[in-house]
Amino acid sequence: MINYTMNVQKLWTLPEQNGQSNVVVRVIFSYTGVSTQNASISHTVEDAVQLEYTGGAFTPFDQLTEAQVLAWVNAALPDEQRITCEAVIKNMINRKLNPIARPQAQQLPWE
């Protein structure tokens, strides 16, 4: 099993959109999965979503919280994009939990 968390890494803004200033239009976020089998094993991917302010309630940039921006990310993140992120994370965690044995060169025994 894997526990997933998201964190905002960077915000991109437009100077003006629909009458508001400094409007967030792109969010770069990290998506981290931590193995419940071994909490020291994790993997993080970075991704992005586009946002568009269409009017209505508006929070000034300097009053935004990470929780609010993550709510926007979760609302805007297409299911396919979330599934892909989680599949990559799961695959990498499984590789760390069950490493593949790789052939190693050996010195010849008669030398």
PDB file of N, CA and C in Angstrom:
ATOM      1  N   MET A   1       0.847  -1.172   0.000  1.00  0.00           N
ATOM      2  CA  MET A   1       0.000   0.000   0.000  1.00  0.00           C
ATOM      3  C   MET A   1       0.897   1.242   0.000  1.00  0.00           C
ATOM      4  N   ILE A   2       0.375   2.322  -0.536  1.00  0.00           N
ATOM      5  CA  ILE A   2       1.140   3.558  -0.647  1.00  0.00           C
ATOM      6  C   ILE A   2       0.275   4.727  -0.174  1.00  0.00           C
ATOM      7  N   ASN A   3       0.874   5.597   0.627  1.00  0.00           N
ATOM      8  CA  ASN A   3       0.216   6.843   1.030  1.00  0.00           C
ATOM      9  C   ASN A   3       0.744   7.963   0.137  1.00  0.00           C
ATOM     10  N   TYR A   4      -0.176   8.739  -0.432  1.00  0.00           N
ATOM     11  CA  TYR A   4       0.193   9.810  -1.363  1.00  0.00           C
ATOM     12  C   TYR A   4      -0.033  11.179  -0.732  1.00  0.00           C
ATOM     13  N   THR A   5       0.876  12.106  -1.029  1.00  0.00           N
ATOM     14  CA  THR A   5       0.707  13.497  -0.618  1.00  0.00           C
ATOM     15  C   THR A   5       1.147  14.408  -1.763  1.00  0.00           C
ATOM     16  N   MET A   6       0.577  15.597  -1.782  1.00  0.00           N
ATOM     17  CA  MET A   6       0.933  16.615  -2.783  1.00  0.00           C
ATOM     18  C   MET A   6       1.447  17.845  -2.064  1.00  0.00           C
ATOM     19  N   ASN A   7       2.384  18.517  -2.714  1.00  0.00           N
ATOM     20  CA  ASN A   7       2.885  19.800  -2.230  1.00  0.00           C
ATOM     21  C   ASN A   7       3.063  20.739  -3.411  1.00  0.00           C
ATOM     22  N   VAL A   8       2.770  22.003  -3.192  1.00  0.00           N
ATOM     23  CA  VAL A   8       2.949  23.014  -4.233  1.00  0.00           C
ATOM     24  C   VAL A   8       4.432  23.377  -4.291  1.00  0.00           C
ATOM     25  N   GLN A   9       4.983  23.386  -5.496  1.00  0.00           N
ATOM     26  CA  GLN A   9       6.393  23.729  -5.691  1.00  0.00           C
ATOM     27  C   GLN A   9       6.571  25.130  -6.268  1.00  0.00           C
ATOM     28  N   LYS A  10       5.678  25.505  -7.185  1.00  0.00           N
ATOM     29  CA  LYS A  10       5.826  26.804  -7.849  1.00  0.00           C
ATOM     30  C   LYS A  10       4.480  27.250  -8.402  1.00  0.00           C
ATOM     31  N   LEU A  11       4.265  28.552  -8.411  1.00  0.00           N
ATOM     32  CA  LEU A  11       3.056  29.138  -8.980  1.00  0.00           C
ATOM     33  C   LEU A  11       3.440  30.078 -10.113  1.00  0.00           C
ATOM     34  N   TRP A  12       2.705  29.972 -11.221  1.00  0.00           N
ATOM     35  CA  TRP A  12       2.881  30.877 -12.349  1.00  0.00           C
ATOM     36  C   TRP A  12       1.642  31.763 -12.405  1.00  0.00           C
ATOM     37  N   THR A  13       1.848  33.047 -12.638  1.00  0.00           N
ATOM     38  CA  THR A  13       0.727  33.979 -12.653  1.00  0.00           C
ATOM     39  C   THR A  13       0.714  34.807 -13.931  1.00  0.00           C
ATOM     40  N   LEU A  14      -0.467  35.352 -14.210  1.00  0.00           N
ATOM     41  CA  LEU A  14      -0.618  36.387 -15.235  1.00  0.00           C
ATOM     42  C   LEU A  14      -0.829  37.705 -14.506  1.00  0.00           C
ATOM     43  N   PRO A  15      -0.331  38.800 -15.068  1.00  0.00           N
ATOM     44  CA  PRO A  15      -0.518  40.094 -14.404  1.00  0.00           C
ATOM     45  C   PRO A  15      -1.992  40.466 -14.256  1.00  0.00           C
ATOM     46  N   GLU A  16      -2.830  40.001 -15.215  1.00  0.00           N
ATOM     47  CA  GLU A  16      -4.261  40.343 -15.174  1.00  0.00           C
ATOM     48  C   GLU A  16      -5.052  39.266 -15.911  1.00  0.00           C
ATOM     49  N   GLN A  17      -6.184  38.917 -15.346  1.00  0.00           N
ATOM     50  CA  GLN A  17      -7.116  37.997 -16.009  1.00  0.00           C
ATOM     51  C   GLN A  17      -8.502  38.267 -15.458  1.00  0.00           C
ATOM     52  N   ASN A  18      -9.433  38.543 -16.351  1.00  0.00           N
ATOM     53  CA  ASN A  18     -10.834  38.791 -15.976  1.00  0.00           C
ATOM     54  C   ASN A  18     -10.979  39.809 -14.843  1.00  0.00           C
ATOM     55  N   GLY A  19     -10.222  40.895 -14.953  1.00  0.00           N
ATOM     56  CA  GLY A  19     -10.361  41.991 -14.003  1.00  0.00           C
ATOM     57  C   GLY A  19      -9.603  41.839 -12.698  1.00  0.00           C
ATOM     58  N   GLN A  20      -8.901  40.753 -12.521  1.00  0.00           N
ATOM     59  CA  GLN A  20      -8.119  40.550 -11.294  1.00  0.00           C
ATOM     60  C   GLN A  20      -6.633  40.566 -11.637  1.00  0.00           C
ATOM     61  N   SER A  21      -5.809  40.900 -10.655  1.00  0.00           N
ATOM     62  CA  SER A  21      -4.372  40.959 -10.911  1.00  0.00           C
ATOM     63  C   SER A  21      -3.632  39.819 -10.210  1.00  0.00           C
ATOM     64  N   ASN A  22      -2.472  39.483 -10.802  1.00  0.00           N
ATOM     65  CA  ASN A  22      -1.597  38.438 -10.260  1.00  0.00           C
ATOM     66  C   ASN A  22      -2.374  37.129 -10.074  1.00  0.00           C
ATOM     67  N   VAL A  23      -2.939  36.646 -11.163  1.00  0.00           N
ATOM     68  CA  VAL A  23      -3.824  35.478 -11.152  1.00  0.00           C
ATOM     69  C   VAL A  23      -3.023  34.207 -11.436  1.00  0.00           C
ATOM     70  N   VAL A  24      -3.169  33.216 -10.561  1.00  0.00           N
ATOM     71  CA  VAL A  24      -2.470  31.935 -10.731  1.00  0.00           C
ATOM     72  C   VAL A  24      -3.067  31.200 -11.922  1.00  0.00           C
ATOM     73  N   VAL A  25      -2.192  30.822 -12.879  1.00  0.00           N
ATOM     74  CA  VAL A  25      -2.658  30.110 -14.067  1.00  0.00           C
ATOM     75  C   VAL A  25      -1.974  28.759 -14.258  1.00  0.00           C
ATOM     76  N   ARG A  26      -0.918  28.516 -13.495  1.00  0.00           N
ATOM     77  CA  ARG A  26      -0.217  27.227 -13.597  1.00  0.00           C
ATOM     78  C   ARG A  26       0.371  26.899 -12.232  1.00  0.00           C
ATOM     79  N   VAL A  27       0.202  25.633 -11.834  1.00  0.00           N
ATOM     80  CA  VAL A  27       0.743  25.173 -10.562  1.00  0.00           C
ATOM     81  C   VAL A  27       1.664  23.985 -10.833  1.00  0.00           C
ATOM     82  N   ILE A  28       2.896  24.103 -10.360  1.00  0.00           N
ATOM     83  CA  ILE A  28       3.830  22.975 -10.394  1.00  0.00           C
ATOM     84  C   ILE A  28       3.732  22.334  -9.011  1.00  0.00           C
ATOM     85  N   PHE A  29       3.508  21.021  -8.986  1.00  0.00           N
ATOM     86  CA  PHE A  29       3.348  20.339  -7.706  1.00  0.00           C
ATOM     87  C   PHE A  29       4.171  19.061  -7.680  1.00  0.00           C
ATOM     88  N   SER A  30       4.514  18.647  -6.481  1.00  0.00           N
ATOM     89  CA  SER A  30       5.157  17.349  -6.310  1.00  0.00           C
ATOM     90  C   SER A  30       4.103  16.390  -5.766  1.00  0.00           C
ATOM     91  N   TYR A  31       4.216  15.145  -6.211  1.00  0.00           N
ATOM     92  CA  TYR A  31       3.286  14.092  -5.798  1.00  0.00           C
ATOM     93  C   TYR A  31       4.161  12.978  -5.251  1.00  0.00           C
ATOM     94  N   THR A  32       4.069  12.730  -3.953  1.00  0.00           N
ATOM     95  CA  THR A  32       4.954  11.774  -3.293  1.00  0.00           C
ATOM     96  C   THR A  32       4.154  10.593  -2.778  1.00  0.00           C
ATOM     97  N   GLY A  33       4.705   9.412  -3.000  1.00  0.00           N
ATOM     98  CA  GLY A  33       4.137   8.200  -2.445  1.00  0.00           C
ATOM     99  C   GLY A  33       5.125   7.593  -1.469  1.00  0.00           C
ATOM    100  N   VAL A  34       4.619   7.149  -0.314  1.00  0.00           N
ATOM    101  CA  VAL A  34       5.456   6.507   0.703  1.00  0.00           C
ATOM    102  C   VAL A  34       4.883   5.119   0.955  1.00  0.00           C
ATOM    103  N   SER A  35       5.758   4.123   0.906  1.00  0.00           N
ATOM    104  CA  SER A  35       5.342   2.743   1.147  1.00  0.00           C
ATOM    105  C   SER A  35       4.874   2.575   2.580  1.00  0.00           C
ATOM    106  N   THR A  36       3.723   1.910   2.773  1.00  0.00           N
ATOM    107  CA  THR A  36       3.272   1.598   4.130  1.00  0.00           C
ATOM    108  C   THR A  36       4.008   0.369   4.661  1.00  0.00           C
ATOM    109  N   GLN A  37       4.661  -0.350   3.759  1.00  0.00           N
ATOM    110  CA  GLN A  37       5.440  -1.540   4.120  1.00  0.00           C
ATOM    111  C   GLN A  37       6.784  -1.135   4.716  1.00  0.00           C
ATOM    112  N   ASN A  38       7.352  -0.028   4.204  1.00  0.00           N
ATOM    113  CA  ASN A  38       8.647   0.459   4.664  1.00  0.00           C
ATOM    114  C   ASN A  38       8.658   1.970   4.444  1.00  0.00           C
ATOM    115  N   ALA A  39       8.459   2.716   5.517  1.00  0.00           N
ATOM    116  CA  ALA A  39       8.298   4.171   5.414  1.00  0.00           C
ATOM    117  C   ALA A  39       9.536   4.891   4.885  1.00  0.00           C
ATOM    118  N   SER A  40      10.669   4.206   4.830  1.00  0.00           N
ATOM    119  CA  SER A  40      11.873   4.847   4.288  1.00  0.00           C
ATOM    120  C   SER A  40      11.918   4.765   2.768  1.00  0.00           C
ATOM    121  N   ILE A  41      10.947   4.076   2.182  1.00  0.00           N
ATOM    122  CA  ILE A  41      10.912   3.932   0.726  1.00  0.00           C
ATOM    123  C   ILE A  41       9.800   4.812   0.170  1.00  0.00           C
ATOM    124  N   SER A  42      10.220   5.729  -0.707  1.00  0.00           N
ATOM    125  CA  SER A  42       9.264   6.661  -1.296  1.00  0.00           C
ATOM    126  C   SER A  42       9.729   7.029  -2.700  1.00  0.00           C
ATOM    127  N   HIS A  43       8.856   7.699  -3.409  1.00  0.00           N
ATOM    128  CA  HIS A  43       9.212   8.241  -4.722  1.00  0.00           C
ATOM    129  C   HIS A  43       8.344   9.473  -4.959  1.00  0.00           C
ATOM    130  N   THR A  44       8.941  10.470  -5.610  1.00  0.00           N
ATOM    131  CA  THR A  44       8.246  11.723  -5.887  1.00  0.00           C
ATOM    132  C   THR A  44       8.321  12.030  -7.373  1.00  0.00           C
ATOM    133  N   VAL A  45       7.188  12.459  -7.918  1.00  0.00           N
ATOM    134  CA  VAL A  45       7.158  12.967  -9.290  1.00  0.00           C
ATOM    135  C   VAL A  45       6.722  14.426  -9.220  1.00  0.00           C
ATOM    136  N   GLU A  46       7.132  15.174 -10.215  1.00  0.00           N
ATOM    137  CA  GLU A  46       6.698  16.565 -10.318  1.00  0.00           C
ATOM    138  C   GLU A  46       5.809  16.688 -11.544  1.00  0.00           C
ATOM    139  N   ASP A  47       4.736  17.443 -11.423  1.00  0.00           N
ATOM    140  CA  ASP A  47       3.803  17.611 -12.525  1.00  0.00           C
ATOM    141  C   ASP A  47       3.206  19.011 -12.443  1.00  0.00           C
ATOM    142  N   ALA A  48       2.298  19.309 -13.351  1.00  0.00           N
ATOM    143  CA  ALA A  48       1.706  20.647 -13.390  1.00  0.00           C
ATOM    144  C   ALA A  48       0.266  20.572 -13.865  1.00  0.00           C
ATOM    145  N   VAL A  49      -0.508  21.568 -13.455  1.00  0.00           N
ATOM    146  CA  VAL A  49      -1.860  21.757 -13.981  1.00  0.00           C
ATOM    147  C   VAL A  49      -2.020  23.207 -14.381  1.00  0.00           C
ATOM    148  N   GLN A  50      -2.862  23.421 -15.383  1.00  0.00           N
ATOM    149  CA  GLN A  50      -3.208  24.772 -15.834  1.00  0.00           C
ATOM    150  C   GLN A  50      -4.514  25.171 -15.163  1.00  0.00           C
ATOM    151  N   LEU A  51      -4.603  26.428 -14.793  1.00  0.00           N
ATOM    152  CA  LEU A  51      -5.814  26.968 -14.182  1.00  0.00           C
ATOM    153  C   LEU A  51      -6.273  28.173 -14.987  1.00  0.00           C
ATOM    154  N   GLU A  52      -7.561  28.460 -14.898  1.00  0.00           N
ATOM    155  CA  GLU A  52      -8.078  29.663 -15.538  1.00  0.00           C
ATOM    156  C   GLU A  52      -9.116  30.286 -14.627  1.00  0.00           C
ATOM    157  N   TYR A  53      -8.892  31.537 -14.279  1.00  0.00           N
ATOM    158  CA  TYR A  53      -9.854  32.265 -13.469  1.00  0.00           C
ATOM    159  C   TYR A  53     -10.941  32.798 -14.396  1.00  0.00           C
ATOM    160  N   THR A  54     -12.182  32.412 -14.137  1.00  0.00           N
ATOM    161  CA  THR A  54     -13.291  32.808 -15.016  1.00  0.00           C
ATOM    162  C   THR A  54     -14.223  33.816 -14.365  1.00  0.00           C
ATOM    163  N   GLY A  55     -13.844  34.343 -13.215  1.00  0.00           N
ATOM    164  CA  GLY A  55     -14.675  35.314 -12.519  1.00  0.00           C
ATOM    165  C   GLY A  55     -15.205  34.739 -11.220  1.00  0.00           C
ATOM    166  N   GLY A  56     -15.852  35.561 -10.447  1.00  0.00           N
ATOM    167  CA  GLY A  56     -16.406  35.121  -9.172  1.00  0.00           C
ATOM    168  C   GLY A  56     -15.430  35.350  -8.028  1.00  0.00           C
ATOM    169  N   ALA A  57     -15.543  34.513  -7.005  1.00  0.00           N
ATOM    170  CA  ALA A  57     -14.700  34.664  -5.812  1.00  0.00           C
ATOM    171  C   ALA A  57     -13.228  34.655  -6.203  1.00  0.00           C
ATOM    172  N   PHE A  58     -12.471  35.545  -5.569  1.00  0.00           N
ATOM    173  CA  PHE A  58     -11.046  35.663  -5.885  1.00  0.00           C
ATOM    174  C   PHE A  58     -10.264  35.906  -4.604  1.00  0.00           C
ATOM    175  N   THR A  59      -9.181  35.188  -4.452  1.00  0.00           N
ATOM    176  CA  THR A  59      -8.283  35.384  -3.316  1.00  0.00           C
ATOM    177  C   THR A  59      -7.022  36.059  -3.825  1.00  0.00           C
ATOM    178  N   PRO A  60      -6.660  37.210  -3.289  1.00  0.00           N
ATOM    179  CA  PRO A  60      -5.421  37.861  -3.713  1.00  0.00           C
ATOM    180  C   PRO A  60      -4.216  36.940  -3.510  1.00  0.00           C
ATOM    181  N   PHE A  61      -3.238  37.076  -4.392  1.00  0.00           N
ATOM    182  CA  PHE A  61      -2.072  36.196  -4.395  1.00  0.00           C
ATOM    183  C   PHE A  61      -1.411  36.116  -3.018  1.00  0.00           C
ATOM    184  N   ASP A  62      -1.239  37.245  -2.359  1.00  0.00           N
ATOM    185  CA  ASP A  62      -0.529  37.246  -1.076  1.00  0.00           C
ATOM    186  C   ASP A  62      -1.355  36.666   0.074  1.00  0.00           C
ATOM    187  N   GLN A  63      -2.589  36.273  -0.207  1.00  0.00           N
ATOM    188  CA  GLN A  63      -3.433  35.652   0.820  1.00  0.00           C
ATOM    189  C   GLN A  63      -3.695  34.167   0.551  1.00  0.00           C
ATOM    190  N   LEU A  64      -3.122  33.630  -0.524  1.00  0.00           N
ATOM    191  CA  LEU A  64      -3.310  32.215  -0.847  1.00  0.00           C
ATOM    192  C   LEU A  64      -2.643  31.327   0.194  1.00  0.00           C
ATOM    193  N   THR A  65      -3.241  30.162   0.410  1.00  0.00           N
ATOM    194  CA  THR A  65      -2.623  29.145   1.258  1.00  0.00           C
ATOM    195  C   THR A  65      -2.330  27.920   0.397  1.00  0.00           C
ATOM    196  N   GLU A  66      -1.414  27.097   0.855  1.00  0.00           N
ATOM    197  CA  GLU A  66      -1.115  25.885   0.102  1.00  0.00           C
ATOM    198  C   GLU A  66      -2.347  24.984   0.027  1.00  0.00           C
ATOM    199  N   ALA A  67      -3.113  24.917   1.090  1.00  0.00           N
ATOM    200  CA  ALA A  67      -4.324  24.079   1.090  1.00  0.00           C
ATOM    201  C   ALA A  67      -5.301  24.538   0.012  1.00  0.00           C
ATOM    202  N   GLN A  68      -5.456  25.842  -0.151  1.00  0.00           N
ATOM    203  CA  GLN A  68      -6.370  26.366  -1.167  1.00  0.00           C
ATOM    204  C   GLN A  68      -5.864  26.018  -2.570  1.00  0.00           C
ATOM    205  N   VAL A  69      -4.570  26.206  -2.797  1.00  0.00           N
ATOM    206  CA  VAL A  69      -4.008  25.906  -4.120  1.00  0.00           C
ATOM    207  C   VAL A  69      -4.096  24.408  -4.407  1.00  0.00           C
ATOM    208  N   LEU A  70      -3.847  23.572  -3.395  1.00  0.00           N
ATOM    209  CA  LEU A  70      -3.965  22.120  -3.600  1.00  0.00           C
ATOM    210  C   LEU A  70      -5.405  21.722  -3.916  1.00  0.00           C
ATOM    211  N   ALA A  71      -6.370  22.412  -3.359  1.00  0.00           N
ATOM    212  CA  ALA A  71      -7.775  22.142  -3.698  1.00  0.00           C
ATOM    213  C   ALA A  71      -8.004  22.443  -5.174  1.00  0.00           C
ATOM    214  N   TRP A  72      -7.415  23.539  -5.679  1.00  0.00           N
ATOM    215  CA  TRP A  72      -7.526  23.857  -7.104  1.00  0.00           C
ATOM    216  C   TRP A  72      -6.854  22.777  -7.942  1.00  0.00           C
ATOM    217  N   VAL A  73      -5.675  22.330  -7.507  1.00  0.00           N
ATOM    218  CA  VAL A  73      -4.942  21.286  -8.240  1.00  0.00           C
ATOM    219  C   VAL A  73      -5.792  20.029  -8.318  1.00  0.00           C
ATOM    220  N   ASN A  74      -6.326  19.598  -7.191  1.00  0.00           N
ATOM    221  CA  ASN A  74      -7.146  18.378  -7.175  1.00  0.00           C
ATOM    222  C   ASN A  74      -8.382  18.501  -8.048  1.00  0.00           C
ATOM    223  N   ALA A  75      -8.974  19.681  -8.102  1.00  0.00           N
ATOM    224  CA  ALA A  75     -10.153  19.892  -8.940  1.00  0.00           C
ATOM    225  C   ALA A  75      -9.790  19.915 -10.426  1.00  0.00           C
ATOM    226  N   ALA A  76      -8.600  20.429 -10.749  1.00  0.00           N
ATOM    227  CA  ALA A  76      -8.203  20.577 -12.155  1.00  0.00           C
ATOM    228  C   ALA A  76      -7.441  19.382 -12.708  1.00  0.00           C
ATOM    229  N   LEU A  77      -6.932  18.534 -11.841  1.00  0.00           N
ATOM    230  CA  LEU A  77      -6.105  17.407 -12.274  1.00  0.00           C
ATOM    231  C   LEU A  77      -6.967  16.322 -12.926  1.00  0.00           C
ATOM    232  N   PRO A  78      -6.767  16.077 -14.222  1.00  0.00           N
ATOM    233  CA  PRO A  78      -7.551  15.029 -14.886  1.00  0.00           C
ATOM    234  C   PRO A  78      -7.255  13.651 -14.272  1.00  0.00           C
ATOM    235  N   ASP A  79      -8.269  12.785 -14.251  1.00  0.00           N
ATOM    236  CA  ASP A  79      -8.099  11.446 -13.687  1.00  0.00           C
ATOM    237  C   ASP A  79      -6.927  10.708 -14.329  1.00  0.00           C
ATOM    238  N   GLU A  80      -6.785  10.842 -15.661  1.00  0.00           N
ATOM    239  CA  GLU A  80      -5.712  10.119 -16.361  1.00  0.00           C
ATOM    240  C   GLU A  80      -4.340  10.580 -15.878  1.00  0.00           C
ATOM    241  N   GLN A  81      -4.205  11.864 -15.617  1.00  0.00           N
ATOM    242  CA  GLN A  81      -2.929  12.410 -15.149  1.00  0.00           C
ATOM    243  C   GLN A  81      -2.611  11.895 -13.744  1.00  0.00           C
ATOM    244  N   ARG A  82      -3.615  11.858 -12.879  1.00  0.00           N
ATOM    245  CA  ARG A  82      -3.431  11.330 -11.516  1.00  0.00           C
ATOM    246  C   ARG A  82      -3.069   9.846 -11.570  1.00  0.00           C
ATOM    247  N   ILE A  83      -3.770   9.089 -12.408  1.00  0.00           N
ATOM    248  CA  ILE A  83      -3.503   7.657 -12.537  1.00  0.00           C
ATOM    249  C   ILE A  83      -2.076   7.414 -13.018  1.00  0.00           C
ATOM    250  N   THR A  84      -1.626   8.220 -13.982  1.00  0.00           N
ATOM    251  CA  THR A  84      -0.263   8.083 -14.495  1.00  0.00           C
ATOM    252  C   THR A  84       0.761   8.388 -13.408  1.00  0.00           C
ATOM    253  N   CYS A  85       0.563   9.475 -12.674  1.00  0.00           N
ATOM    254  CA  CYS A  85       1.482   9.822 -11.579  1.00  0.00           C
ATOM    255  C   CYS A  85       1.556   8.687 -10.558  1.00  0.00           C
ATOM    256  N   GLU A  86       0.414   8.177 -10.161  1.00  0.00           N
ATOM    257  CA  GLU A  86       0.383   7.118  -9.160  1.00  0.00           C
ATOM    258  C   GLU A  86       1.008   5.833  -9.685  1.00  0.00           C
ATOM    259  N   ALA A  87       0.830   5.543 -10.972  1.00  0.00           N
ATOM    260  CA  ALA A  87       1.436   4.336 -11.553  1.00  0.00           C
ATOM    261  C   ALA A  87       2.961   4.440 -11.559  1.00  0.00           C
ATOM    262  N   VAL A  88       3.478   5.614 -11.904  1.00  0.00           N
ATOM    263  CA  VAL A  88       4.934   5.814 -11.904  1.00  0.00           C
ATOM    264  C   VAL A  88       5.470   5.659 -10.477  1.00  0.00           C
ATOM    265  N   ILE A  89       4.811   6.296  -9.530  1.00  0.00           N
ATOM    266  CA  ILE A  89       5.240   6.217  -8.128  1.00  0.00           C
ATOM    267  C   ILE A  89       5.206   4.771  -7.644  1.00  0.00           C
ATOM    268  N   LYS A  90       4.108   4.084  -7.908  1.00  0.00           N
ATOM    269  CA  LYS A  90       3.963   2.687  -7.471  1.00  0.00           C
ATOM    270  C   LYS A  90       5.040   1.803  -8.078  1.00  0.00           C
ATOM    271  N   ASN A  91       5.302   1.982  -9.363  1.00  0.00           N
ATOM    272  CA  ASN A  91       6.322   1.183 -10.034  1.00  0.00           C
ATOM    273  C   ASN A  91       7.695   1.414  -9.407  1.00  0.00           C
ATOM    274  N   MET A  92       8.039   2.664  -9.150  1.00  0.00           N
ATOM    275  CA  MET A  92       9.352   2.964  -8.575  1.00  0.00           C
ATOM    276  C   MET A  92       9.469   2.442  -7.147  1.00  0.00           C
ATOM    277  N   ILE A  93       8.406   2.545  -6.368  1.00  0.00           N
ATOM    278  CA  ILE A  93       8.437   2.006  -5.003  1.00  0.00           C
ATOM    279  C   ILE A  93       8.571   0.493  -5.036  1.00  0.00           C
ATOM    280  N   ASN A  94       7.824  -0.166  -5.936  1.00  0.00           N
ATOM    281  CA  ASN A  94       7.938  -1.623  -6.049  1.00  0.00           C
ATOM    282  C   ASN A  94       9.344  -2.053  -6.444  1.00  0.00           C
ATOM    283  N   ARG A  95       9.990  -1.281  -7.317  1.00  0.00           N
ATOM    284  CA  ARG A  95      11.381  -1.588  -7.698  1.00  0.00           C
ATOM    285  C   ARG A  95      12.325  -1.462  -6.513  1.00  0.00           C
ATOM    286  N   LYS A  96      12.056  -0.479  -5.652  1.00  0.00           N
ATOM    287  CA  LYS A  96      12.900  -0.306  -4.470  1.00  0.00           C
ATOM    288  C   LYS A  96      12.643  -1.405  -3.439  1.00  0.00           C
ATOM    289  N   LEU A  97      11.381  -1.827  -3.313  1.00  0.00           N
ATOM    290  CA  LEU A  97      11.041  -2.894  -2.365  1.00  0.00           C
ATOM    291  C   LEU A  97      11.529  -4.258  -2.846  1.00  0.00           C
ATOM    292  N   ASN A  98      11.513  -4.457  -4.167  1.00  0.00           N
ATOM    293  CA  ASN A  98      11.881  -5.741  -4.767  1.00  0.00           C
ATOM    294  C   ASN A  98      12.912  -5.516  -5.866  1.00  0.00           C
ATOM    295  N   PRO A  99      14.134  -5.192  -5.479  1.00  0.00           N
ATOM    296  CA  PRO A  99      15.137  -4.892  -6.506  1.00  0.00           C
ATOM    297  C   PRO A  99      15.389  -6.081  -7.422  1.00  0.00           C
ATOM    298  N   ILE A 100      15.641  -5.780  -8.674  1.00  0.00           N
ATOM    299  CA  ILE A 100      15.937  -6.804  -9.670  1.00  0.00           C
ATOM    300  C   ILE A 100      17.412  -7.158  -9.569  1.00  0.00           C
ATOM    301  N   ALA A 101      17.702  -8.442  -9.490  1.00  0.00           N
ATOM    302  CA  ALA A 101      19.102  -8.885  -9.445  1.00  0.00           C
ATOM    303  C   ALA A 101      19.743  -8.606 -10.800  1.00  0.00           C
ATOM    304  N   ARG A 102      20.850  -7.915 -10.789  1.00  0.00           N
ATOM    305  CA  ARG A 102      21.571  -7.562 -12.013  1.00  0.00           C
ATOM    306  C   ARG A 102      22.826  -8.411 -12.104  1.00  0.00           C
ATOM    307  N   PRO A 103      23.131  -8.901 -13.301  1.00  0.00           N
ATOM    308  CA  PRO A 103      24.371  -9.667 -13.459  1.00  0.00           C
ATOM    309  C   PRO A 103      25.585  -8.778 -13.146  1.00  0.00           C
ATOM    310  N   GLN A 104      26.582  -9.383 -12.532  1.00  0.00           N
ATOM    311  CA  GLN A 104      27.798  -8.665 -12.204  1.00  0.00           C
ATOM    312  C   GLN A 104      28.995  -9.375 -12.823  1.00  0.00           C
ATOM    313  N   ALA A 105      29.890  -8.593 -13.364  1.00  0.00           N
ATOM    314  CA  ALA A 105      31.113  -9.161 -13.924  1.00  0.00           C
ATOM    315  C   ALA A 105      31.969  -9.722 -12.793  1.00  0.00           C
ATOM    316  N   GLN A 106      32.519 -10.879 -13.007  1.00  0.00           N
ATOM    317  CA  GLN A 106      33.387 -11.522 -12.028  1.00  0.00           C
ATOM    318  C   GLN A 106      34.762 -11.735 -12.619  1.00  0.00           C
ATOM    319  N   GLN A 107      35.728 -11.732 -11.761  1.00  0.00           N
ATOM    320  CA  GLN A 107      37.071 -12.057 -12.206  1.00  0.00           C
ATOM    321  C   GLN A 107      37.113 -13.551 -12.510  1.00  0.00           C
ATOM    322  N   LEU A 108      37.834 -13.912 -13.522  1.00  0.00           N
ATOM    323  CA  LEU A 108      37.926 -15.323 -13.869  1.00  0.00           C
ATOM    324  C   LEU A 108      38.559 -16.099 -12.718  1.00  0.00           C
ATOM    325  N   PRO A 109      37.988 -17.261 -12.373  1.00  0.00           N
ATOM    326  CA  PRO A 109      38.474 -17.995 -11.203  1.00  0.00           C
ATOM    327  C   PRO A 109      39.889 -18.561 -11.384  1.00  0.00           C
ATOM    328  N   TRP A 110      40.359 -18.692 -12.591  1.00  0.00           N
ATOM    329  CA  TRP A 110      41.685 -19.261 -12.805  1.00  0.00           C
ATOM    330  C   TRP A 110      42.782 -18.214 -12.933  1.00  0.00           C
ATOM    331  N   GLU A 111      42.407 -16.972 -12.748  1.00  0.00           N
ATOM    332  CA  GLU A 111      43.416 -15.913 -12.819  1.00  0.00           C
ATOM    333  C   GLU A 111      43.791 -15.434 -11.463  1.00  0.00           C
TER     334      GLU A 111
END
